[in-house]
Amino acid sequence: MLKEFKAFAMRGNVIDLAVGVIIGAAFGKIVGSLVEDVITPLILKPALDFAHLSRLEELTIMGTVKYGNFLAAVINFLIIAFVLFLIIKGINSMQKKEAAAPPAAPPADVVLLTEIRDLLKSKA
């Protein structure tokens, strides 16, 4: 059962799907941060300075652009992408080692049948 699970998990489609989901989630955080922390405050920032009015102070606070949050999301994305690259590179090297292993010797009956075939060909 463990071998079946390993064969299932190591298929290309499963790995590709997992990488796509992880990268998609990380990129979604970048887009969310861009909208929430950069674009929305620029749109909602009042054109006039209402800081002297006590009940409208929230408008100026709401207009604060948070570039740091956006840059943190971009850096997190780059770190996640690099770690996934290293993981996939390791998986690919393991699969190449398994594929490069010499094939097992054929059974004795197959060797005997091959010799018989070759003898029949040489007589003909």
PDB file of N, CA and C in Angstrom:
ATOM      1  N   MET A   1       0.824  -1.192   0.000  1.00  0.00           N
ATOM      2  CA  MET A   1       0.000   0.000   0.000  1.00  0.00           C
ATOM      3  C   MET A   1       0.867   1.255   0.000  1.00  0.00           C
ATOM      4  N   LEU A   2       1.980   1.199   0.711  1.00  0.00           N
ATOM      5  CA  LEU A   2       2.887   2.350   0.748  1.00  0.00           C
ATOM      6  C   LEU A   2       3.505   2.599  -0.626  1.00  0.00           C
ATOM      7  N   LYS A   3       3.828   1.514  -1.344  1.00  0.00           N
ATOM      8  CA  LYS A   3       4.382   1.662  -2.686  1.00  0.00           C
ATOM      9  C   LYS A   3       3.361   2.276  -3.637  1.00  0.00           C
ATOM     10  N   GLU A   4       2.096   1.872  -3.488  1.00  0.00           N
ATOM     11  CA  GLU A   4       1.036   2.433  -4.331  1.00  0.00           C
ATOM     12  C   GLU A   4       0.868   3.923  -4.063  1.00  0.00           C
ATOM     13  N   PHE A   5       0.918   4.303  -2.777  1.00  0.00           N
ATOM     14  CA  PHE A   5       0.793   5.720  -2.444  1.00  0.00           C
ATOM     15  C   PHE A   5       1.967   6.512  -3.001  1.00  0.00           C
ATOM     16  N   LYS A   6       3.181   5.963  -2.897  1.00  0.00           N
ATOM     17  CA  LYS A   6       4.355   6.649  -3.433  1.00  0.00           C
ATOM     18  C   LYS A   6       4.228   6.823  -4.942  1.00  0.00           C
ATOM     19  N   ALA A   7       3.775   5.779  -5.621  1.00  0.00           N
ATOM     20  CA  ALA A   7       3.589   5.869  -7.072  1.00  0.00           C
ATOM     21  C   ALA A   7       2.539   6.917  -7.421  1.00  0.00           C
ATOM     22  N   PHE A   8       1.468   6.978  -6.635  1.00  0.00           N
ATOM     23  CA  PHE A   8       0.427   7.980  -6.882  1.00  0.00           C
ATOM     24  C   PHE A   8       0.949   9.394  -6.630  1.00  0.00           C
ATOM     25  N   ALA A   9       1.636   9.575  -5.505  1.00  0.00           N
ATOM     26  CA  ALA A   9       2.096  10.920  -5.125  1.00  0.00           C
ATOM     27  C   ALA A   9       3.204  11.425  -6.035  1.00  0.00           C
ATOM     28  N   MET A  10       3.972  10.539  -6.609  1.00  0.00           N
ATOM     29  CA  MET A  10       5.106  10.963  -7.426  1.00  0.00           C
ATOM     30  C   MET A  10       4.744  11.116  -8.903  1.00  0.00           C
ATOM     31  N   ARG A  11       3.504  10.854  -9.257  1.00  0.00           N
ATOM     32  CA  ARG A  11       3.096  11.085 -10.641  1.00  0.00           C
ATOM     33  C   ARG A  11       3.190  12.569 -10.942  1.00  0.00           C
ATOM     34  N   GLY A  12       3.503  12.884 -12.161  1.00  0.00           N
ATOM     35  CA  GLY A  12       3.691  14.275 -12.561  1.00  0.00           C
ATOM     36  C   GLY A  12       2.469  15.141 -12.350  1.00  0.00           C
ATOM     37  N   ASN A  13       1.284  14.609 -12.616  1.00  0.00           N
ATOM     38  CA  ASN A  13       0.065  15.413 -12.498  1.00  0.00           C
ATOM     39  C   ASN A  13      -0.190  15.854 -11.064  1.00  0.00           C
ATOM     40  N   VAL A  14       0.056  14.969 -10.103  1.00  0.00           N
ATOM     41  CA  VAL A  14      -0.194  15.301  -8.701  1.00  0.00           C
ATOM     42  C   VAL A  14       0.770  16.384  -8.237  1.00  0.00           C
ATOM     43  N   ILE A  15       2.026  16.239  -8.606  1.00  0.00           N
ATOM     44  CA  ILE A  15       3.034  17.229  -8.206  1.00  0.00           C
ATOM     45  C   ILE A  15       2.741  18.569  -8.867  1.00  0.00           C
ATOM     46  N   ASP A  16       2.396  18.557 -10.142  1.00  0.00           N
ATOM     47  CA  ASP A  16       2.075  19.800 -10.848  1.00  0.00           C
ATOM     48  C   ASP A  16       0.879  20.506 -10.211  1.00  0.00           C
ATOM     49  N   LEU A  17      -0.120  19.744  -9.848  1.00  0.00           N
ATOM     50  CA  LEU A  17      -1.302  20.326  -9.213  1.00  0.00           C
ATOM     51  C   LEU A  17      -0.950  20.940  -7.869  1.00  0.00           C
ATOM     52  N   ALA A  18      -0.144  20.240  -7.079  1.00  0.00           N
ATOM     53  CA  ALA A  18       0.250  20.762  -5.769  1.00  0.00           C
ATOM     54  C   ALA A  18       1.038  22.058  -5.914  1.00  0.00           C
ATOM     55  N   VAL A  19       1.965  22.086  -6.845  1.00  0.00           N
ATOM     56  CA  VAL A  19       2.756  23.310  -7.067  1.00  0.00           C
ATOM     57  C   VAL A  19       1.848  24.436  -7.537  1.00  0.00           C
ATOM     58  N   GLY A  20       0.919  24.130  -8.416  1.00  0.00           N
ATOM     59  CA  GLY A  20      -0.002  25.160  -8.901  1.00  0.00           C
ATOM     60  C   GLY A  20      -0.854  25.751  -7.794  1.00  0.00           C
ATOM     61  N   VAL A  21      -1.330  24.903  -6.900  1.00  0.00           N
ATOM     62  CA  VAL A  21      -2.164  25.389  -5.789  1.00  0.00           C
ATOM     63  C   VAL A  21      -1.341  26.278  -4.860  1.00  0.00           C
ATOM     64  N   ILE A  22      -0.126  25.839  -4.527  1.00  0.00           N
ATOM     65  CA  ILE A  22       0.719  26.607  -3.602  1.00  0.00           C
ATOM     66  C   ILE A  22       1.117  27.948  -4.218  1.00  0.00           C
ATOM     67  N   ILE A  23       1.558  27.933  -5.467  1.00  0.00           N
ATOM     68  CA  ILE A  23       1.953  29.183  -6.132  1.00  0.00           C
ATOM     69  C   ILE A  23       0.737  30.087  -6.306  1.00  0.00           C
ATOM     70  N   GLY A  24      -0.409  29.508  -6.630  1.00  0.00           N
ATOM     71  CA  GLY A  24      -1.633  30.307  -6.783  1.00  0.00           C
ATOM     72  C   GLY A  24      -2.030  30.992  -5.487  1.00  0.00           C
ATOM     73  N   ALA A  25      -1.915  30.274  -4.371  1.00  0.00           N
ATOM     74  CA  ALA A  25      -2.253  30.874  -3.076  1.00  0.00           C
ATOM     75  C   ALA A  25      -1.282  32.000  -2.735  1.00  0.00           C
ATOM     76  N   ALA A  26      -0.002  31.787  -2.987  1.00  0.00           N
ATOM     77  CA  ALA A  26       0.991  32.827  -2.693  1.00  0.00           C
ATOM     78  C   ALA A  26       0.777  34.039  -3.594  1.00  0.00           C
ATOM     79  N   PHE A  27       0.478  33.811  -4.861  1.00  0.00           N
ATOM     80  CA  PHE A  27       0.232  34.934  -5.769  1.00  0.00           C
ATOM     81  C   PHE A  27      -1.061  35.652  -5.405  1.00  0.00           C
ATOM     82  N   GLY A  28      -2.050  34.905  -4.911  1.00  0.00           N
ATOM     83  CA  GLY A  28      -3.295  35.523  -4.448  1.00  0.00           C
ATOM     84  C   GLY A  28      -3.046  36.483  -3.300  1.00  0.00           C
ATOM     85  N   LYS A  29      -2.084  36.142  -2.434  1.00  0.00           N
ATOM     86  CA  LYS A  29      -1.739  37.046  -1.339  1.00  0.00           C
ATOM     87  C   LYS A  29      -1.093  38.328  -1.866  1.00  0.00           C
ATOM     88  N   ILE A  30      -0.311  38.220  -2.920  1.00  0.00           N
ATOM     89  CA  ILE A  30       0.293  39.417  -3.524  1.00  0.00           C
ATOM     90  C   ILE A  30      -0.801  40.314  -4.080  1.00  0.00           C
ATOM     91  N   VAL A  31      -1.717  39.718  -4.831  1.00  0.00           N
ATOM     92  CA  VAL A  31      -2.796  40.511  -5.425  1.00  0.00           C
ATOM     93  C   VAL A  31      -3.668  41.120  -4.334  1.00  0.00           C
ATOM     94  N   GLY A  32      -3.984  40.353  -3.301  1.00  0.00           N
ATOM     95  CA  GLY A  32      -4.788  40.872  -2.191  1.00  0.00           C
ATOM     96  C   GLY A  32      -4.107  42.031  -1.492  1.00  0.00           C
ATOM     97  N   SER A  33      -2.807  41.902  -1.264  1.00  0.00           N
ATOM     98  CA  SER A  33      -2.066  42.978  -0.620  1.00  0.00           C
ATOM     99  C   SER A  33      -1.990  44.213  -1.516  1.00  0.00           C
ATOM    100  N   LEU A  34      -1.808  43.993  -2.806  1.00  0.00           N
ATOM    101  CA  LEU A  34      -1.763  45.126  -3.737  1.00  0.00           C
ATOM    102  C   LEU A  34      -3.078  45.896  -3.701  1.00  0.00           C
ATOM    103  N   VAL A  35      -4.174  45.180  -3.709  1.00  0.00           N
ATOM    104  CA  VAL A  35      -5.482  45.838  -3.709  1.00  0.00           C
ATOM    105  C   VAL A  35      -5.759  46.506  -2.360  1.00  0.00           C
ATOM    106  N   GLU A  36      -5.565  45.739  -1.257  1.00  0.00           N
ATOM    107  CA  GLU A  36      -5.926  46.254   0.067  1.00  0.00           C
ATOM    108  C   GLU A  36      -4.963  47.310   0.594  1.00  0.00           C
ATOM    109  N   ASP A  37      -3.664  47.129   0.336  1.00  0.00           N
ATOM    110  CA  ASP A  37      -2.667  47.989   0.960  1.00  0.00           C
ATOM    111  C   ASP A  37      -2.154  49.117   0.074  1.00  0.00           C
ATOM    112  N   VAL A  38      -2.321  48.999  -1.248  1.00  0.00           N
ATOM    113  CA  VAL A  38      -1.771  50.026  -2.140  1.00  0.00           C
ATOM    114  C   VAL A  38      -2.867  50.730  -2.933  1.00  0.00           C
ATOM    115  N   ILE A  39      -3.634  49.977  -3.704  1.00  0.00           N
ATOM    116  CA  ILE A  39      -4.591  50.603  -4.622  1.00  0.00           C
ATOM    117  C   ILE A  39      -5.770  51.220  -3.877  1.00  0.00           C
ATOM    118  N   THR A  40      -6.396  50.461  -2.973  1.00  0.00           N
ATOM    119  CA  THR A  40      -7.570  50.971  -2.264  1.00  0.00           C
ATOM    120  C   THR A  40      -7.265  52.237  -1.465  1.00  0.00           C
ATOM    121  N   PRO A  41      -6.167  52.293  -0.704  1.00  0.00           N
ATOM    122  CA  PRO A  41      -5.884  53.544   0.017  1.00  0.00           C
ATOM    123  C   PRO A  41      -5.643  54.734  -0.914  1.00  0.00           C
ATOM    124  N   LEU A  42      -5.054  54.475  -2.085  1.00  0.00           N
ATOM    125  CA  LEU A  42      -4.837  55.587  -3.025  1.00  0.00           C
ATOM    126  C   LEU A  42      -6.155  56.099  -3.590  1.00  0.00           C
ATOM    127  N   ILE A  43      -7.101  55.194  -3.822  1.00  0.00           N
ATOM    128  CA  ILE A  43      -8.400  55.600  -4.358  1.00  0.00           C
ATOM    129  C   ILE A  43      -9.230  56.294  -3.287  1.00  0.00           C
ATOM    130  N   LEU A  44      -9.197  55.746  -2.074  1.00  0.00           N
ATOM    131  CA  LEU A  44     -10.044  56.275  -1.017  1.00  0.00           C
ATOM    132  C   LEU A  44      -9.425  57.446  -0.255  1.00  0.00           C
ATOM    133  N   LYS A  45      -8.168  57.750  -0.533  1.00  0.00           N
ATOM    134  CA  LYS A  45      -7.532  58.855   0.182  1.00  0.00           C
ATOM    135  C   LYS A  45      -8.203  60.161  -0.225  1.00  0.00           C
ATOM    136  N   PRO A  46      -8.667  60.902   0.743  1.00  0.00           N
ATOM    137  CA  PRO A  46      -9.351  62.151   0.403  1.00  0.00           C
ATOM    138  C   PRO A  46      -8.393  63.163  -0.240  1.00  0.00           C
ATOM    139  N   ALA A  47      -8.923  63.911  -1.185  1.00  0.00           N
ATOM    140  CA  ALA A  47      -8.110  64.911  -1.859  1.00  0.00           C
ATOM    141  C   ALA A  47      -7.787  66.081  -0.932  1.00  0.00           C
ATOM    142  N   LEU A  48      -8.666  66.360  -0.018  1.00  0.00           N
ATOM    143  CA  LEU A  48      -8.451  67.457   0.923  1.00  0.00           C
ATOM    144  C   LEU A  48      -7.965  66.902   2.252  1.00  0.00           C
ATOM    145  N   ASP A  49      -7.255  67.721   3.013  1.00  0.00           N
ATOM    146  CA  ASP A  49      -6.764  67.284   4.309  1.00  0.00           C
ATOM    147  C   ASP A  49      -7.828  67.576   5.353  1.00  0.00           C
ATOM    148  N   PHE A  50      -8.477  66.534   5.835  1.00  0.00           N
ATOM    149  CA  PHE A  50      -9.515  66.675   6.838  1.00  0.00           C
ATOM    150  C   PHE A  50      -8.996  66.358   8.236  1.00  0.00           C
ATOM    151  N   ALA A  51      -7.692  66.380   8.433  1.00  0.00           N
ATOM    152  CA  ALA A  51      -7.113  65.973   9.716  1.00  0.00           C
ATOM    153  C   ALA A  51      -7.555  66.888  10.852  1.00  0.00           C
ATOM    154  N   HIS A  52      -7.880  68.131  10.558  1.00  0.00           N
ATOM    155  CA  HIS A  52      -8.275  69.051  11.622  1.00  0.00           C
ATOM    156  C   HIS A  52      -9.694  68.785  12.119  1.00  0.00           C
ATOM    157  N   LEU A  53     -10.478  68.018  11.371  1.00  0.00           N
ATOM    158  CA  LEU A  53     -11.824  67.677  11.807  1.00  0.00           C
ATOM    159  C   LEU A  53     -11.781  66.353  12.562  1.00  0.00           C
ATOM    160  N   SER A  54     -12.267  66.360  13.795  1.00  0.00           N
ATOM    161  CA  SER A  54     -12.134  65.178  14.644  1.00  0.00           C
ATOM    162  C   SER A  54     -12.953  63.986  14.143  1.00  0.00           C
ATOM    163  N   ARG A  55     -14.147  64.210  13.631  1.00  0.00           N
ATOM    164  CA  ARG A  55     -14.966  63.068  13.228  1.00  0.00           C
ATOM    165  C   ARG A  55     -14.558  62.512  11.875  1.00  0.00           C
ATOM    166  N   LEU A  56     -13.758  63.221  11.107  1.00  0.00           N
ATOM    167  CA  LEU A  56     -13.317  62.728   9.804  1.00  0.00           C
ATOM    168  C   LEU A  56     -11.862  62.267   9.818  1.00  0.00           C
ATOM    169  N   GLU A  57     -11.276  62.116  11.004  1.00  0.00           N
ATOM    170  CA  GLU A  57      -9.887  61.667  11.072  1.00  0.00           C
ATOM    171  C   GLU A  57      -9.720  60.264  10.491  1.00  0.00           C
ATOM    172  N   GLU A  58     -10.752  59.474  10.569  1.00  0.00           N
ATOM    173  CA  GLU A  58     -10.671  58.116  10.051  1.00  0.00           C
ATOM    174  C   GLU A  58     -10.412  58.104   8.545  1.00  0.00           C
ATOM    175  N   LEU A  59     -10.846  59.132   7.837  1.00  0.00           N
ATOM    176  CA  LEU A  59     -10.623  59.177   6.394  1.00  0.00           C
ATOM    177  C   LEU A  59      -9.145  59.286   6.066  1.00  0.00           C
ATOM    178  N   THR A  60      -8.404  60.083   6.813  1.00  0.00           N
ATOM    179  CA  THR A  60      -6.982  60.205   6.520  1.00  0.00           C
ATOM    180  C   THR A  60      -6.223  58.955   6.932  1.00  0.00           C
ATOM    181  N   ILE A  61      -6.659  58.292   8.002  1.00  0.00           N
ATOM    182  CA  ILE A  61      -6.013  57.051   8.412  1.00  0.00           C
ATOM    183  C   ILE A  61      -6.294  55.966   7.382  1.00  0.00           C
ATOM    184  N   MET A  62      -7.504  55.941   6.854  1.00  0.00           N
ATOM    185  CA  MET A  62      -7.873  54.934   5.875  1.00  0.00           C
ATOM    186  C   MET A  62      -7.086  55.127   4.581  1.00  0.00           C
ATOM    187  N   GLY A  63      -6.607  56.321   4.318  1.00  0.00           N
ATOM    188  CA  GLY A  63      -5.883  56.588   3.091  1.00  0.00           C
ATOM    189  C   GLY A  63      -4.401  56.288   3.172  1.00  0.00           C
ATOM    190  N   THR A  64      -3.913  55.667   4.245  1.00  0.00           N
ATOM    191  CA  THR A  64      -2.498  55.373   4.394  1.00  0.00           C
ATOM    192  C   THR A  64      -2.115  54.164   3.553  1.00  0.00           C
ATOM    193  N   VAL A  65      -1.142  54.345   2.684  1.00  0.00           N
ATOM    194  CA  VAL A  65      -0.663  53.258   1.831  1.00  0.00           C
ATOM    195  C   VAL A  65       0.368  52.458   2.612  1.00  0.00           C
ATOM    196  N   LYS A  66       0.213  51.141   2.579  1.00  0.00           N
ATOM    197  CA  LYS A  66       1.106  50.247   3.326  1.00  0.00           C
ATOM    198  C   LYS A  66       1.988  49.484   2.342  1.00  0.00           C
ATOM    199  N   TYR A  67       3.049  50.125   1.887  1.00  0.00           N
ATOM    200  CA  TYR A  67       3.955  49.496   0.938  1.00  0.00           C
ATOM    201  C   TYR A  67       4.684  48.313   1.566  1.00  0.00           C
ATOM    202  N   GLY A  68       4.932  48.394   2.859  1.00  0.00           N
ATOM    203  CA  GLY A  68       5.645  47.325   3.549  1.00  0.00           C
ATOM    204  C   GLY A  68       4.911  45.999   3.494  1.00  0.00           C
ATOM    205  N   ASN A  69       3.594  46.036   3.667  1.00  0.00           N
ATOM    206  CA  ASN A  69       2.804  44.802   3.580  1.00  0.00           C
ATOM    207  C   ASN A  69       2.881  44.197   2.190  1.00  0.00           C
ATOM    208  N   PHE A  70       2.831  45.061   1.171  1.00  0.00           N
ATOM    209  CA  PHE A  70       2.918  44.571  -0.208  1.00  0.00           C
ATOM    210  C   PHE A  70       4.290  43.972  -0.485  1.00  0.00           C
ATOM    211  N   LEU A  71       5.348  44.642  -0.057  1.00  0.00           N
ATOM    212  CA  LEU A  71       6.692  44.106  -0.270  1.00  0.00           C
ATOM    213  C   LEU A  71       6.899  42.801   0.486  1.00  0.00           C
ATOM    214  N   ALA A  72       6.328  42.692   1.683  1.00  0.00           N
ATOM    215  CA  ALA A  72       6.420  41.441   2.442  1.00  0.00           C
ATOM    216  C   ALA A  72       5.730  40.307   1.697  1.00  0.00           C
ATOM    217  N   ALA A  73       4.586  40.585   1.077  1.00  0.00           N
ATOM    218  CA  ALA A  73       3.879  39.556   0.302  1.00  0.00           C
ATOM    219  C   ALA A  73       4.705  39.122  -0.908  1.00  0.00           C
ATOM    220  N   VAL A  74       5.364  40.076  -1.564  1.00  0.00           N
ATOM    221  CA  VAL A  74       6.211  39.744  -2.718  1.00  0.00           C
ATOM    222  C   VAL A  74       7.408  38.906  -2.276  1.00  0.00           C
ATOM    223  N   ILE A  75       8.039  39.274  -1.169  1.00  0.00           N
ATOM    224  CA  ILE A  75       9.187  38.519  -0.669  1.00  0.00           C
ATOM    225  C   ILE A  75       8.761  37.118  -0.251  1.00  0.00           C
ATOM    226  N   ASN A  76       7.613  36.993   0.412  1.00  0.00           N
ATOM    227  CA  ASN A  76       7.101  35.668   0.778  1.00  0.00           C
ATOM    228  C   ASN A  76       6.868  34.810  -0.463  1.00  0.00           C
ATOM    229  N   PHE A  77       6.318  35.420  -1.511  1.00  0.00           N
ATOM    230  CA  PHE A  77       6.089  34.687  -2.754  1.00  0.00           C
ATOM    231  C   PHE A  77       7.405  34.178  -3.340  1.00  0.00           C
ATOM    232  N   LEU A  78       8.419  35.033  -3.350  1.00  0.00           N
ATOM    233  CA  LEU A  78       9.711  34.630  -3.909  1.00  0.00           C
ATOM    234  C   LEU A  78      10.341  33.503  -3.092  1.00  0.00           C
ATOM    235  N   ILE A  79      10.215  33.577  -1.776  1.00  0.00           N
ATOM    236  CA  ILE A  79      10.757  32.516  -0.926  1.00  0.00           C
ATOM    237  C   ILE A  79      10.019  31.204  -1.178  1.00  0.00           C
ATOM    238  N   ILE A  80       8.696  31.260  -1.241  1.00  0.00           N
ATOM    239  CA  ILE A  80       7.901  30.053  -1.489  1.00  0.00           C
ATOM    240  C   ILE A  80       8.242  29.469  -2.856  1.00  0.00           C
ATOM    241  N   ALA A  81       8.370  30.306  -3.868  1.00  0.00           N
ATOM    242  CA  ALA A  81       8.692  29.820  -5.212  1.00  0.00           C
ATOM    243  C   ALA A  81      10.080  29.175  -5.230  1.00  0.00           C
ATOM    244  N   PHE A  82      11.044  29.754  -4.529  1.00  0.00           N
ATOM    245  CA  PHE A  82      12.398  29.191  -4.512  1.00  0.00           C
ATOM    246  C   PHE A  82      12.421  27.853  -3.783  1.00  0.00           C
ATOM    247  N   VAL A  83      11.720  27.754  -2.667  1.00  0.00           N
ATOM    248  CA  VAL A  83      11.671  26.489  -1.925  1.00  0.00           C
ATOM    249  C   VAL A  83      10.989  25.407  -2.768  1.00  0.00           C
ATOM    250  N   LEU A  84       9.910  25.759  -3.447  1.00  0.00           N
ATOM    251  CA  LEU A  84       9.259  24.788  -4.333  1.00  0.00           C
ATOM    252  C   LEU A  84      10.194  24.351  -5.455  1.00  0.00           C
ATOM    253  N   PHE A  85      10.972  25.293  -5.992  1.00  0.00           N
ATOM    254  CA  PHE A  85      11.947  24.958  -7.028  1.00  0.00           C
ATOM    255  C   PHE A  85      12.937  23.925  -6.507  1.00  0.00           C
ATOM    256  N   LEU A  86      13.445  24.136  -5.281  1.00  0.00           N
ATOM    257  CA  LEU A  86      14.400  23.188  -4.709  1.00  0.00           C
ATOM    258  C   LEU A  86      13.762  21.819  -4.477  1.00  0.00           C
ATOM    259  N   ILE A  87      12.516  21.807  -4.007  1.00  0.00           N
ATOM    260  CA  ILE A  87      11.824  20.538  -3.774  1.00  0.00           C
ATOM    261  C   ILE A  87      11.619  19.786  -5.090  1.00  0.00           C
ATOM    262  N   ILE A  88      11.152  20.474  -6.111  1.00  0.00           N
ATOM    263  CA  ILE A  88      10.915  19.832  -7.408  1.00  0.00           C
ATOM    264  C   ILE A  88      12.228  19.362  -8.013  1.00  0.00           C
ATOM    265  N   LYS A  89      13.280  20.146  -7.847  1.00  0.00           N
ATOM    266  CA  LYS A  89      14.589  19.737  -8.358  1.00  0.00           C
ATOM    267  C   LYS A  89      15.046  18.460  -7.661  1.00  0.00           C
ATOM    268  N   GLY A  90      14.829  18.358  -6.353  1.00  0.00           N
ATOM    269  CA  GLY A  90      15.172  17.141  -5.617  1.00  0.00           C
ATOM    270  C   GLY A  90      14.351  15.946  -6.071  1.00  0.00           C
ATOM    271  N   ILE A  91      13.054  16.162  -6.276  1.00  0.00           N
ATOM    272  CA  ILE A  91      12.189  15.070  -6.749  1.00  0.00           C
ATOM    273  C   ILE A  91      12.639  14.596  -8.128  1.00  0.00           C
ATOM    274  N   ASN A  92      12.965  15.538  -9.016  1.00  0.00           N
ATOM    275  CA  ASN A  92      13.412  15.158 -10.357  1.00  0.00           C
ATOM    276  C   ASN A  92      14.722  14.386 -10.312  1.00  0.00           C
ATOM    277  N   SER A  93      15.647  14.787  -9.446  1.00  0.00           N
ATOM    278  CA  SER A  93      16.921  14.062  -9.369  1.00  0.00           C
ATOM    279  C   SER A  93      16.708  12.659  -8.800  1.00  0.00           C
ATOM    280  N   MET A  94      15.780  12.507  -7.848  1.00  0.00           N
ATOM    281  CA  MET A  94      15.483  11.173  -7.317  1.00  0.00           C
ATOM    282  C   MET A  94      14.873  10.290  -8.399  1.00  0.00           C
ATOM    283  N   GLN A  95      13.985  10.851  -9.209  1.00  0.00           N
ATOM    284  CA  GLN A  95      13.362  10.070 -10.270  1.00  0.00           C
ATOM    285  C   GLN A  95      14.384   9.679 -11.334  1.00  0.00           C
ATOM    286  N   LYS A  96      15.359  10.551 -11.618  1.00  0.00           N
ATOM    287  CA  LYS A  96      16.394  10.215 -12.594  1.00  0.00           C
ATOM    288  C   LYS A  96      17.273   9.084 -12.077  1.00  0.00           C
ATOM    289  N   LYS A  97      17.564   9.085 -10.759  1.00  0.00           N
ATOM    290  CA  LYS A  97      18.372   8.006 -10.192  1.00  0.00           C
ATOM    291  C   LYS A  97      17.638   6.680 -10.285  1.00  0.00           C
ATOM    292  N   GLU A  98      16.329   6.691 -10.025  1.00  0.00           N
ATOM    293  CA  GLU A  98      15.542   5.465 -10.132  1.00  0.00           C
ATOM    294  C   GLU A  98      15.478   4.995 -11.578  1.00  0.00           C
ATOM    295  N   ALA A  99      15.364   5.933 -12.517  1.00  0.00           N
ATOM    296  CA  ALA A  99      15.274   5.574 -13.928  1.00  0.00           C
ATOM    297  C   ALA A  99      16.627   5.101 -14.455  1.00  0.00           C
ATOM    298  N   ALA A 100      17.739   5.587 -13.888  1.00  0.00           N
ATOM    299  CA  ALA A 100      19.062   5.231 -14.365  1.00  0.00           C
ATOM    300  C   ALA A 100      19.532   3.884 -13.831  1.00  0.00           C
ATOM    301  N   ALA A 101      18.818   3.292 -12.905  1.00  0.00           N
ATOM    302  CA  ALA A 101      19.205   1.987 -12.370  1.00  0.00           C
ATOM    303  C   ALA A 101      19.178   0.960 -13.499  1.00  0.00           C
ATOM    304  N   PRO A 102      20.179   0.071 -13.522  1.00  0.00           N
ATOM    305  CA  PRO A 102      20.216  -0.921 -14.611  1.00  0.00           C
ATOM    306  C   PRO A 102      19.022  -1.860 -14.515  1.00  0.00           C
ATOM    307  N   PRO A 103      18.516  -2.266 -15.654  1.00  0.00           N
ATOM    308  CA  PRO A 103      17.362  -3.167 -15.629  1.00  0.00           C
ATOM    309  C   PRO A 103      17.769  -4.523 -15.056  1.00  0.00           C
ATOM    310  N   ALA A 104      16.827  -5.172 -14.445  1.00  0.00           N
ATOM    311  CA  ALA A 104      17.084  -6.489 -13.855  1.00  0.00           C
ATOM    312  C   ALA A 104      17.359  -7.492 -14.965  1.00  0.00           C
ATOM    313  N   ALA A 105      18.178  -8.474 -14.646  1.00  0.00           N
ATOM    314  CA  ALA A 105      18.501  -9.515 -15.625  1.00  0.00           C
ATOM    315  C   ALA A 105      17.233 -10.303 -15.951  1.00  0.00           C
ATOM    316  N   PRO A 106      17.075 -10.680 -17.208  1.00  0.00           N
ATOM    317  CA  PRO A 106      15.874 -11.447 -17.575  1.00  0.00           C
ATOM    318  C   PRO A 106      15.912 -12.828 -16.922  1.00  0.00           C
ATOM    319  N   PRO A 107      14.762 -13.407 -16.692  1.00  0.00           N
ATOM    320  CA  PRO A 107      14.710 -14.747 -16.096  1.00  0.00           C
ATOM    321  C   PRO A 107      15.402 -15.785 -16.987  1.00  0.00           C
ATOM    322  N   ALA A 108      15.754 -16.889 -16.388  1.00  0.00           N
ATOM    323  CA  ALA A 108      16.504 -17.934 -17.105  1.00  0.00           C
ATOM    324  C   ALA A 108      15.732 -18.472 -18.297  1.00  0.00           C
ATOM    325  N   ASP A 109      14.428 -18.631 -18.184  1.00  0.00           N
ATOM    326  CA  ASP A 109      13.658 -19.171 -19.305  1.00  0.00           C
ATOM    327  C   ASP A 109      13.648 -18.217 -20.493  1.00  0.00           C
ATOM    328  N   VAL A 110      13.647 -16.931 -20.230  1.00  0.00           N
ATOM    329  CA  VAL A 110      13.685 -15.954 -21.323  1.00  0.00           C
ATOM    330  C   VAL A 110      15.042 -16.004 -22.008  1.00  0.00           C
ATOM    331  N   VAL A 111      16.120 -16.132 -21.224  1.00  0.00           N
ATOM    332  CA  VAL A 111      17.465 -16.238 -21.802  1.00  0.00           C
ATOM    333  C   VAL A 111      17.555 -17.490 -22.670  1.00  0.00           C
ATOM    334  N   LEU A 112      17.025 -18.604 -22.197  1.00  0.00           N
ATOM    335  CA  LEU A 112      17.064 -19.866 -22.957  1.00  0.00           C
ATOM    336  C   LEU A 112      16.270 -19.749 -24.258  1.00  0.00           C
ATOM    337  N   LEU A 113      15.094 -19.151 -24.187  1.00  0.00           N
ATOM    338  CA  LEU A 113      14.290 -18.960 -25.404  1.00  0.00           C
ATOM    339  C   LEU A 113      14.986 -18.035 -26.398  1.00  0.00           C
ATOM    340  N   THR A 114      15.669 -17.032 -25.902  1.00  0.00           N
ATOM    341  CA  THR A 114      16.415 -16.119 -26.780  1.00  0.00           C
ATOM    342  C   THR A 114      17.539 -16.862 -27.484  1.00  0.00           C
ATOM    343  N   GLU A 115      18.242 -17.724 -26.759  1.00  0.00           N
ATOM    344  CA  GLU A 115      19.319 -18.499 -27.367  1.00  0.00           C
ATOM    345  C   GLU A 115      18.772 -19.447 -28.435  1.00  0.00           C
ATOM    346  N   ILE A 116      17.634 -20.075 -28.144  1.00  0.00           N
ATOM    347  CA  ILE A 116      17.020 -20.980 -29.122  1.00  0.00           C
ATOM    348  C   ILE A 116      16.630 -20.187 -30.371  1.00  0.00           C
ATOM    349  N   ARG A 117      16.050 -19.027 -30.185  1.00  0.00           N
ATOM    350  CA  ARG A 117      15.661 -18.196 -31.347  1.00  0.00           C
ATOM    351  C   ARG A 117      16.885 -17.839 -32.190  1.00  0.00           C
ATOM    352  N   ASP A 118      17.959 -17.450 -31.515  1.00  0.00           N
ATOM    353  CA  ASP A 118      19.158 -17.050 -32.243  1.00  0.00           C
ATOM    354  C   ASP A 118      19.753 -18.237 -33.002  1.00  0.00           C
ATOM    355  N   LEU A 119      19.723 -19.440 -32.405  1.00  0.00           N
ATOM    356  CA  LEU A 119      20.220 -20.626 -33.087  1.00  0.00           C
ATOM    357  C   LEU A 119      19.388 -20.949 -34.329  1.00  0.00           C
ATOM    358  N   LEU A 120      18.061 -20.831 -34.187  1.00  0.00           N
ATOM    359  CA  LEU A 120      17.186 -21.090 -35.338  1.00  0.00           C
ATOM    360  C   LEU A 120      17.419 -20.078 -36.464  1.00  0.00           C
ATOM    361  N   LYS A 121      17.676 -18.844 -36.108  1.00  0.00           N
ATOM    362  CA  LYS A 121      17.952 -17.839 -37.127  1.00  0.00           C
ATOM    363  C   LYS A 121      19.266 -18.105 -37.845  1.00  0.00           C
ATOM    364  N   SER A 122      20.249 -18.576 -37.090  1.00  0.00           N
ATOM    365  CA  SER A 122      21.557 -18.809 -37.719  1.00  0.00           C
ATOM    366  C   SER A 122      21.517 -20.022 -38.664  1.00  0.00           C
ATOM    367  N   LYS A 123      20.662 -21.009 -38.406  1.00  0.00           N
ATOM    368  CA  LYS A 123      20.540 -22.184 -39.285  1.00  0.00           C
ATOM    369  C   LYS A 123      19.752 -21.860 -40.551  1.00  0.00           C
ATOM    370  N   ALA A 124      18.888 -20.898 -40.480  1.00  0.00           N
ATOM    371  CA  ALA A 124      18.034 -20.602 -41.638  1.00  0.00           C
ATOM    372  C   ALA A 124      18.719 -19.810 -42.700  1.00  0.00           C
TER     373      ALA A 124
END
